[in-house]
């Protein structure tokens, strides 16, 4: 059975400034859920590589993992180059690495996008929840739509509000169908 991408820790190429690779940055990424740390890794960046160092397993069966990911580059139409991770599991280039026991691409894990299950769950739910998340609202349609966050443009706020309200009728239809 395939697993969903949102079940993994993610390393996205867009989270790393391109200058960090040129300067050889060393750092750490930490993931949290509900204020509790769920994982962390150390990384070393170079012009054409990224090294990861992390631990896997339980307290009694912990193993240190070190992985080195080469980079691939593609030329862009108006100049410049785009950097990609090269998955050490399959050799394909990718923008996102998923962390299970090892960091690999979506294809290696057979991971699916959450939206691929919307027909099973409820079309529009992930769109509505994503809009709520972007405005800093509590998750769940039972909670009221929040006021505009300080610093957010009104145009952005109205666009997110419209996205949210587009999904609500479908969510209500599914809920009322399940309750009746």
Foldseek 3Di string as FASTA:
>chain_A
DAAALVVFDKDFLVVDDLVCQPVFDKAKDWDDDPPHTDAMWIWTHHNFKIKIWGWDDDPVDIDIDIDMWGWDWDADPVGDIDIFTQFPVPRRTDRMWTDDVHTGDCVVRVHDYPQVCCVVPFPLQVQLQVLCVVQPHDGDPVDDRDDRDPPDDPVSNVVSVVSNVVRVVRVVVVVVVVVD
